[in-house]
Amino acid sequence: MLSQLRRIVQDVAQEPALDNALAGLVSSIKIALATECCSVYLADYQQQHFMLMATDGLNQDAVGKVAIGF
């Protein structure tokens, strides 16, 4: 499992576009962990929320629109 996660990190680190890197990250982690869904939320400290930035398993239309306050 550790070698699989290391490979995922290396692949993501080589991707120059953030959107593509995050899409690859959630897809690879979903497969590695055999889950139904994997999503990444990024913190927006000015707006005081986490914004959905990538998902594999949730509605793709929600990316960039769904926020969770903190």
Protein backbone atom coordinates (compact mmCIF):
# COMPACT_ATOMS: atom_id res chain seq x y z
CA MET A 1 0.00 0.00 0.00
CA LEU A 2 2.80 2.43 0.87
CA SER A 3 4.48 1.94 -2.50
CA GLN A 4 1.13 2.50 -4.22
CA LEU A 5 0.63 5.79 -2.35
CA ARG A 6 4.21 6.85 -3.11
CA ARG A 7 3.56 6.28 -6.83
CA ILE A 8 0.36 8.34 -6.62
CA VAL A 9 2.23 11.23 -4.98
CA GLN A 10 4.95 11.10 -7.63
CA ASP A 11 2.40 11.08 -10.46
CA VAL A 12 0.47 14.01 -8.98
CA ALA A 13 3.66 16.00 -8.36
CA GLN A 14 4.60 15.75 -12.04
CA GLU A 15 1.28 17.14 -13.29
CA PRO A 16 1.64 20.89 -14.03
CA ALA A 17 -2.09 21.71 -14.03
CA LEU A 18 -3.75 21.73 -10.60
CA ASP A 19 -7.14 20.56 -11.90
CA ASN A 20 -5.56 17.58 -13.66
CA ALA A 21 -3.39 16.78 -10.64
CA LEU A 22 -6.38 16.76 -8.30
CA ALA A 23 -8.47 14.67 -10.72
CA GLY A 24 -5.67 12.12 -10.96
CA LEU A 25 -5.23 12.15 -7.19
CA VAL A 26 -8.86 11.37 -6.36
CA SER A 27 -9.12 8.73 -9.07
CA SER A 28 -5.93 6.96 -8.00
CA ILE A 29 -6.75 7.07 -4.29
CA LYS A 30 -10.27 5.78 -4.92
CA ILE A 31 -8.83 2.77 -6.74
CA ALA A 32 -6.01 2.19 -4.23
CA LEU A 33 -8.39 2.22 -1.25
CA ALA A 34 -11.23 0.43 -3.08
CA THR A 35 -13.78 3.07 -2.07
CA GLU A 36 -16.89 4.32 -3.82
CA CYS A 37 -15.88 7.97 -3.59
CA CYS A 38 -12.83 10.18 -3.07
CA SER A 39 -12.96 13.96 -3.01
CA VAL A 40 -10.60 16.86 -2.33
CA TYR A 41 -11.71 20.07 -0.67
CA LEU A 42 -9.35 23.05 -0.50
CA ALA A 43 -9.53 25.61 2.31
CA ASP A 44 -10.47 29.18 1.43
CA TYR A 45 -9.55 31.14 4.55
CA GLN A 46 -10.95 34.43 3.26
CA GLN A 47 -14.37 32.91 2.68
CA GLN A 48 -14.07 30.58 5.71
CA HIS A 49 -15.04 27.43 3.84
CA PHE A 50 -13.73 24.31 2.16
CA MET A 51 -14.44 24.22 -1.59
CA LEU A 52 -14.92 20.95 -3.46
CA MET A 53 -12.15 20.95 -6.07
CA ALA A 54 -12.11 17.36 -7.33
CA THR A 55 -14.16 14.21 -6.94
CA ASP A 56 -14.47 10.68 -8.22
CA GLY A 57 -17.81 9.40 -7.01
CA LEU A 58 -19.80 12.60 -6.42
CA ASN A 59 -21.59 14.69 -9.03
CA GLN A 60 -18.93 16.41 -11.18
CA ASP A 61 -21.23 19.44 -11.54
CA ALA A 62 -20.64 20.15 -7.84
CA VAL A 63 -16.90 20.77 -8.32
CA GLY A 64 -16.11 24.41 -7.68
CA LYS A 65 -19.65 25.04 -6.41
CA VAL A 66 -20.09 23.06 -3.18
CA ALA A 67 -18.59 24.61 -0.06
CA ILE A 68 -18.52 23.49 3.57
CA GLY A 69 -18.12 26.24 6.14
CA PHE A 70 -15.60 26.19 8.96
